[in-house]
N, C-alpha and C. Protein backbone atom coordinates (compact mmCIF):
# COMPACT_ATOMS: atom_id res chain seq x y z
N GLN A 1 170.31 185.34 68.82
CA GLN A 1 169.94 184.67 70.06
C GLN A 1 170.76 183.40 70.20
N VAL A 2 171.33 183.20 71.36
CA VAL A 2 172.16 182.02 71.59
C VAL A 2 171.29 180.83 71.94
N GLN A 3 171.59 179.70 71.31
CA GLN A 3 170.89 178.46 71.64
C GLN A 3 171.89 177.35 71.82
N LEU A 4 171.63 176.50 72.81
CA LEU A 4 172.41 175.28 73.03
C LEU A 4 171.44 174.11 72.91
N VAL A 5 171.77 173.17 72.06
CA VAL A 5 170.89 172.02 71.84
C VAL A 5 171.66 170.74 72.08
N GLU A 6 171.22 169.98 73.09
CA GLU A 6 171.88 168.72 73.42
C GLU A 6 171.26 167.57 72.62
N SER A 7 172.07 166.54 72.42
CA SER A 7 171.59 165.31 71.80
C SER A 7 172.44 164.16 72.30
N GLY A 8 171.94 162.94 72.09
CA GLY A 8 172.74 161.77 72.41
C GLY A 8 172.34 161.02 73.67
N GLY A 9 171.37 161.53 74.41
CA GLY A 9 170.94 160.81 75.60
C GLY A 9 170.17 159.55 75.23
N GLY A 10 169.87 158.75 76.25
CA GLY A 10 169.11 157.53 76.01
C GLY A 10 169.20 156.57 77.16
N LEU A 11 168.79 155.34 76.88
CA LEU A 11 168.80 154.27 77.87
C LEU A 11 169.96 153.32 77.55
N VAL A 12 170.74 152.99 78.55
CA VAL A 12 171.88 152.11 78.35
C VAL A 12 172.05 151.23 79.59
N GLN A 13 172.60 150.06 79.40
CA GLN A 13 172.86 149.18 80.54
C GLN A 13 174.13 149.62 81.26
N ALA A 14 174.20 149.27 82.52
CA ALA A 14 175.40 149.57 83.29
C ALA A 14 176.63 148.99 82.58
N GLY A 15 177.68 149.79 82.54
CA GLY A 15 178.90 149.40 81.85
C GLY A 15 178.96 149.87 80.41
N GLY A 16 177.86 150.37 79.92
CA GLY A 16 177.79 150.84 78.54
C GLY A 16 178.29 152.26 78.38
N SER A 17 178.15 152.77 77.16
CA SER A 17 178.66 154.10 76.82
C SER A 17 177.59 154.92 76.10
N LEU A 18 177.70 156.21 76.26
CA LEU A 18 176.90 157.18 75.50
C LEU A 18 177.78 158.38 75.19
N ARG A 19 177.45 159.06 74.11
CA ARG A 19 178.17 160.29 73.76
C ARG A 19 177.14 161.40 73.61
N LEU A 20 177.25 162.39 74.47
CA LEU A 20 176.38 163.56 74.40
C LEU A 20 177.05 164.65 73.57
N SER A 21 176.25 165.36 72.80
CA SER A 21 176.75 166.49 72.03
C SER A 21 175.90 167.71 72.32
N CYS A 22 176.54 168.86 72.24
CA CYS A 22 175.84 170.13 72.46
C CYS A 22 176.25 171.06 71.33
N ALA A 23 175.28 171.46 70.53
CA ALA A 23 175.54 172.36 69.41
C ALA A 23 175.14 173.76 69.80
N ALA A 24 176.05 174.70 69.65
CA ALA A 24 175.79 176.09 70.00
C ALA A 24 175.56 176.91 68.74
N SER A 25 174.62 177.81 68.81
CA SER A 25 174.37 178.73 67.69
C SER A 25 174.17 180.13 68.25
N GLY A 26 174.42 181.11 67.42
CA GLY A 26 174.23 182.49 67.84
C GLY A 26 175.50 183.21 68.22
N ARG A 27 176.52 182.48 68.63
CA ARG A 27 177.84 183.05 68.91
C ARG A 27 178.80 181.89 69.09
N THR A 28 180.09 182.19 69.05
CA THR A 28 181.09 181.14 69.24
C THR A 28 181.57 181.14 70.69
N PHE A 29 182.00 179.96 71.14
CA PHE A 29 182.44 179.81 72.52
C PHE A 29 183.85 179.22 72.58
N SER A 30 184.63 179.48 71.55
CA SER A 30 185.93 178.81 71.46
C SER A 30 186.89 179.23 72.58
N SER A 31 186.72 180.39 73.15
CA SER A 31 187.62 180.81 74.25
C SER A 31 186.82 181.12 75.50
N ALA A 32 185.78 180.38 75.73
CA ALA A 32 184.96 180.56 76.92
C ALA A 32 184.78 179.21 77.60
N ALA A 33 184.22 179.24 78.78
CA ALA A 33 183.97 177.99 79.48
C ALA A 33 182.69 177.35 78.96
N MET A 34 182.74 176.04 78.78
CA MET A 34 181.55 175.26 78.46
C MET A 34 181.55 174.06 79.37
N GLY A 35 180.37 173.67 79.80
CA GLY A 35 180.33 172.59 80.76
C GLY A 35 179.11 171.71 80.61
N TRP A 36 179.15 170.62 81.33
CA TRP A 36 178.02 169.71 81.46
C TRP A 36 177.66 169.59 82.93
N PHE A 37 176.37 169.70 83.19
CA PHE A 37 175.83 169.51 84.52
C PHE A 37 174.76 168.43 84.44
N ARG A 38 174.36 167.89 85.56
CA ARG A 38 173.29 166.90 85.57
C ARG A 38 172.40 167.09 86.79
N GLN A 39 171.18 166.64 86.63
CA GLN A 39 170.23 166.76 87.73
C GLN A 39 169.39 165.49 87.80
N ALA A 40 169.51 164.79 88.91
CA ALA A 40 168.71 163.60 89.15
C ALA A 40 167.44 164.02 89.89
N PRO A 41 166.39 163.22 89.84
CA PRO A 41 165.13 163.57 90.51
C PRO A 41 165.35 163.85 91.99
N GLY A 42 164.83 164.97 92.45
CA GLY A 42 164.92 165.32 93.86
C GLY A 42 166.27 165.84 94.32
N LYS A 43 167.17 166.04 93.37
CA LYS A 43 168.52 166.50 93.73
C LYS A 43 168.84 167.82 93.05
N GLU A 44 169.87 168.48 93.58
CA GLU A 44 170.33 169.73 92.98
C GLU A 44 171.06 169.44 91.67
N ARG A 45 171.08 170.43 90.80
CA ARG A 45 171.88 170.32 89.58
C ARG A 45 173.35 170.37 89.98
N GLU A 46 174.12 169.41 89.49
CA GLU A 46 175.52 169.32 89.90
C GLU A 46 176.47 169.35 88.70
N PHE A 47 177.66 169.83 88.98
CA PHE A 47 178.72 169.90 87.98
C PHE A 47 179.17 168.50 87.59
N VAL A 48 179.41 168.30 86.30
CA VAL A 48 179.94 167.02 85.82
C VAL A 48 181.33 167.23 85.20
N ALA A 49 181.42 168.14 84.24
CA ALA A 49 182.69 168.36 83.55
C ALA A 49 182.68 169.73 82.89
N ALA A 50 183.86 170.29 82.68
CA ALA A 50 183.96 171.59 82.03
C ALA A 50 185.23 171.64 81.20
N ILE A 51 185.17 172.45 80.17
CA ILE A 51 186.35 172.76 79.37
C ILE A 51 186.47 174.27 79.38
N ASN A 52 187.64 174.75 79.75
CA ASN A 52 187.80 176.15 80.09
C ASN A 52 189.07 176.67 79.44
N TRP A 53 188.95 177.84 78.86
CA TRP A 53 190.12 178.42 78.19
C TRP A 53 191.03 179.09 79.21
N SER A 54 192.30 178.71 79.17
CA SER A 54 193.29 179.35 80.05
C SER A 54 194.62 179.32 79.32
N GLY A 55 194.68 180.05 78.20
CA GLY A 55 195.87 179.99 77.36
C GLY A 55 195.88 178.74 76.51
N GLY A 56 194.86 177.98 76.62
CA GLY A 56 194.68 176.70 75.93
C GLY A 56 193.51 176.04 76.66
N ASP A 57 192.92 175.05 76.07
CA ASP A 57 191.80 174.39 76.74
C ASP A 57 192.28 173.52 77.89
N LYS A 58 191.60 173.64 79.01
CA LYS A 58 191.85 172.75 80.14
C LYS A 58 190.53 172.09 80.51
N THR A 59 190.61 170.87 80.98
CA THR A 59 189.40 170.12 81.31
C THR A 59 189.34 169.81 82.80
N TYR A 60 188.13 169.73 83.30
CA TYR A 60 187.90 169.49 84.72
C TYR A 60 186.74 168.51 84.86
N TYR A 61 186.78 167.69 85.90
CA TYR A 61 185.76 166.67 86.09
C TYR A 61 185.37 166.56 87.55
N GLN A 62 184.11 166.21 87.74
CA GLN A 62 183.68 165.81 89.08
C GLN A 62 184.41 164.52 89.43
N GLU A 63 184.75 164.37 90.69
CA GLU A 63 185.54 163.21 91.12
C GLU A 63 184.88 161.89 90.71
N ALA A 64 183.56 161.81 90.79
CA ALA A 64 182.86 160.55 90.53
C ALA A 64 182.91 160.11 89.07
N VAL A 65 183.27 161.01 88.16
CA VAL A 65 183.28 160.65 86.74
C VAL A 65 184.69 160.63 86.15
N LYS A 66 185.67 161.00 86.95
CA LYS A 66 187.06 161.01 86.44
C LYS A 66 187.45 159.63 85.96
N GLY A 67 188.08 159.58 84.81
CA GLY A 67 188.51 158.31 84.25
C GLY A 67 187.44 157.61 83.43
N ARG A 68 186.19 158.07 83.53
CA ARG A 68 185.09 157.45 82.78
C ARG A 68 184.52 158.41 81.73
N PHE A 69 184.48 159.70 82.04
CA PHE A 69 183.91 160.69 81.13
C PHE A 69 185.03 161.53 80.54
N THR A 70 184.83 161.98 79.29
CA THR A 70 185.77 162.86 78.63
C THR A 70 185.02 163.98 77.94
N ILE A 71 185.38 165.22 78.27
CA ILE A 71 184.77 166.38 77.61
C ILE A 71 185.72 166.89 76.54
N SER A 72 185.13 167.32 75.43
CA SER A 72 185.96 167.87 74.34
C SER A 72 185.12 168.88 73.58
N ARG A 73 185.78 169.73 72.82
CA ARG A 73 185.02 170.64 71.99
C ARG A 73 185.62 170.73 70.61
N ASP A 74 184.74 170.99 69.66
CA ASP A 74 185.11 171.14 68.26
C ASP A 74 184.76 172.58 67.88
N ASN A 75 185.78 173.43 67.83
CA ASN A 75 185.52 174.85 67.56
C ASN A 75 185.00 175.07 66.15
N ALA A 76 185.41 174.25 65.21
CA ALA A 76 184.94 174.41 63.82
C ALA A 76 183.43 174.18 63.74
N LYS A 77 182.92 173.28 64.58
CA LYS A 77 181.49 172.99 64.58
C LYS A 77 180.74 173.70 65.71
N ASN A 78 181.49 174.38 66.57
CA ASN A 78 180.88 175.07 67.72
C ASN A 78 180.09 174.10 68.59
N THR A 79 180.71 172.96 68.86
CA THR A 79 180.05 171.94 69.68
C THR A 79 180.94 171.54 70.85
N VAL A 80 180.32 171.02 71.88
CA VAL A 80 181.04 170.43 72.99
C VAL A 80 180.44 169.04 73.22
N ASN A 81 181.30 168.08 73.46
CA ASN A 81 180.87 166.69 73.58
C ASN A 81 181.23 166.12 74.94
N LEU A 82 180.47 165.12 75.35
CA LEU A 82 180.78 164.40 76.59
C LEU A 82 180.70 162.91 76.29
N GLN A 83 181.86 162.28 76.23
CA GLN A 83 181.92 160.83 76.05
C GLN A 83 181.83 160.19 77.42
N MET A 84 180.83 159.34 77.60
CA MET A 84 180.60 158.70 78.89
C MET A 84 180.76 157.20 78.76
N ASN A 85 181.76 156.65 79.42
CA ASN A 85 182.03 155.22 79.39
C ASN A 85 181.81 154.62 80.78
N SER A 86 181.71 153.30 80.81
CA SER A 86 181.54 152.58 82.09
C SER A 86 180.43 153.20 82.93
N LEU A 87 179.30 153.43 82.29
CA LEU A 87 178.20 154.11 82.97
C LEU A 87 177.65 153.27 84.12
N LYS A 88 177.20 153.99 85.14
CA LYS A 88 176.66 153.36 86.35
C LYS A 88 175.22 153.86 86.56
N PRO A 89 174.40 153.09 87.26
CA PRO A 89 173.03 153.55 87.52
C PRO A 89 172.98 154.93 88.18
N GLU A 90 173.98 155.24 88.99
CA GLU A 90 173.99 156.55 89.66
C GLU A 90 174.31 157.71 88.71
N ASP A 91 174.64 157.40 87.46
CA ASP A 91 174.82 158.45 86.45
C ASP A 91 173.49 158.87 85.84
N THR A 92 172.42 158.18 86.18
CA THR A 92 171.10 158.50 85.63
C THR A 92 170.69 159.90 86.06
N ALA A 93 170.35 160.73 85.07
CA ALA A 93 169.98 162.12 85.33
C ALA A 93 169.63 162.78 84.01
N VAL A 94 169.12 163.99 84.11
CA VAL A 94 169.02 164.86 82.94
C VAL A 94 170.34 165.63 82.85
N TYR A 95 170.97 165.56 81.69
CA TYR A 95 172.25 166.22 81.48
C TYR A 95 172.04 167.52 80.71
N TYR A 96 172.65 168.58 81.23
CA TYR A 96 172.52 169.90 80.64
C TYR A 96 173.87 170.43 80.16
N CYS A 97 173.84 171.02 78.99
CA CYS A 97 175.00 171.73 78.47
C CYS A 97 174.91 173.18 78.90
N ALA A 98 176.05 173.79 79.21
CA ALA A 98 176.06 175.18 79.64
C ALA A 98 177.25 175.90 79.01
N ALA A 99 177.09 177.19 78.79
CA ALA A 99 178.16 177.99 78.20
C ALA A 99 178.23 179.34 78.90
N ALA A 100 179.45 179.84 79.03
CA ALA A 100 179.65 181.14 79.66
C ALA A 100 180.10 182.15 78.62
N HIS A 101 180.01 183.41 78.97
CA HIS A 101 180.47 184.47 78.08
C HIS A 101 181.99 184.48 77.96
N ARG A 102 182.67 183.93 78.94
CA ARG A 102 184.11 184.11 79.07
C ARG A 102 184.72 182.90 79.78
N PRO A 103 186.05 182.83 79.83
CA PRO A 103 186.66 181.79 80.68
C PRO A 103 186.26 182.02 82.13
N LEU A 104 186.09 180.98 82.89
CA LEU A 104 185.60 181.11 84.26
C LEU A 104 186.68 180.91 85.32
N GLY A 105 187.91 180.64 84.89
CA GLY A 105 188.97 180.46 85.88
C GLY A 105 188.61 179.36 86.86
N SER A 106 188.71 179.66 88.13
CA SER A 106 188.45 178.65 89.16
C SER A 106 186.97 178.45 89.42
N LEU A 107 186.11 179.17 88.73
CA LEU A 107 184.67 179.07 88.96
C LEU A 107 183.98 178.15 87.96
N TYR A 108 184.73 177.33 87.25
CA TYR A 108 184.17 176.50 86.19
C TYR A 108 183.10 175.54 86.68
N PHE A 109 183.08 175.24 87.98
CA PHE A 109 182.16 174.25 88.49
C PHE A 109 180.86 174.87 89.04
N THR A 110 180.77 176.18 89.03
CA THR A 110 179.61 176.84 89.64
C THR A 110 178.56 177.12 88.57
N LYS A 111 177.36 176.57 88.73
CA LYS A 111 176.32 176.72 87.73
C LYS A 111 175.89 178.17 87.57
N TYR A 112 176.07 178.99 88.61
CA TYR A 112 175.56 180.36 88.57
C TYR A 112 176.37 181.26 87.63
N ASP A 113 177.58 180.82 87.26
CA ASP A 113 178.43 181.64 86.40
C ASP A 113 178.27 181.33 84.93
N TYR A 114 177.43 180.36 84.59
CA TYR A 114 177.18 180.05 83.20
C TYR A 114 175.98 180.87 82.73
N ASN A 115 176.08 181.37 81.51
CA ASN A 115 175.08 182.31 81.00
C ASN A 115 174.01 181.66 80.13
N TYR A 116 174.33 180.53 79.55
CA TYR A 116 173.40 179.89 78.62
C TYR A 116 173.27 178.40 78.97
N TRP A 117 172.06 177.89 78.79
CA TRP A 117 171.77 176.49 79.12
C TRP A 117 170.96 175.85 78.01
N GLY A 118 171.23 174.57 77.80
CA GLY A 118 170.39 173.80 76.90
C GLY A 118 169.15 173.29 77.63
N GLN A 119 168.32 172.57 76.90
CA GLN A 119 167.05 172.11 77.47
C GLN A 119 167.21 170.80 78.23
N GLY A 120 168.35 170.15 78.08
CA GLY A 120 168.62 168.91 78.80
C GLY A 120 168.32 167.67 77.97
N THR A 121 169.05 166.61 78.26
CA THR A 121 168.81 165.33 77.61
C THR A 121 168.87 164.24 78.68
N GLN A 122 167.93 163.31 78.62
CA GLN A 122 167.82 162.28 79.65
C GLN A 122 168.82 161.15 79.39
N VAL A 123 169.54 160.79 80.44
CA VAL A 123 170.42 159.63 80.42
C VAL A 123 169.93 158.67 81.50
N THR A 124 169.60 157.46 81.11
CA THR A 124 169.13 156.45 82.05
C THR A 124 170.03 155.23 81.95
N VAL A 125 170.59 154.83 83.08
CA VAL A 125 171.48 153.67 83.11
C VAL A 125 170.79 152.59 83.96
N SER A 126 170.51 151.47 83.32
CA SER A 126 169.84 150.38 84.03
C SER A 126 170.87 149.41 84.62
N SER A 127 170.49 148.83 85.75
CA SER A 127 171.42 147.91 86.43
C SER A 127 171.25 146.48 85.93
């Protein structure tokens, strides 16, 4: 059974940093898409970042987090990480890790194409 377990969320002041990690078990995702999504209260779950295999790993980001967030994966540990710097109050949300069976090509940002989800970790940024 595949499980994704997130860690690293918490409360931080604006301008601070957090590092989220997602540990996968049950299968490897070294050549598949893995991503981070977030959901704020009363809002839809939205794409944040993805790492997608296309002859090599490629990374993608939502415009609002470009230059502040970095996604990476460690295939030896079967984990995917999200380094979040210069955090803003509008980054406050529950962050979810997601994994697909395969590379997603141009669909890396669509939540419906991911097959596995973690339980989420709360990130709160105070002003």
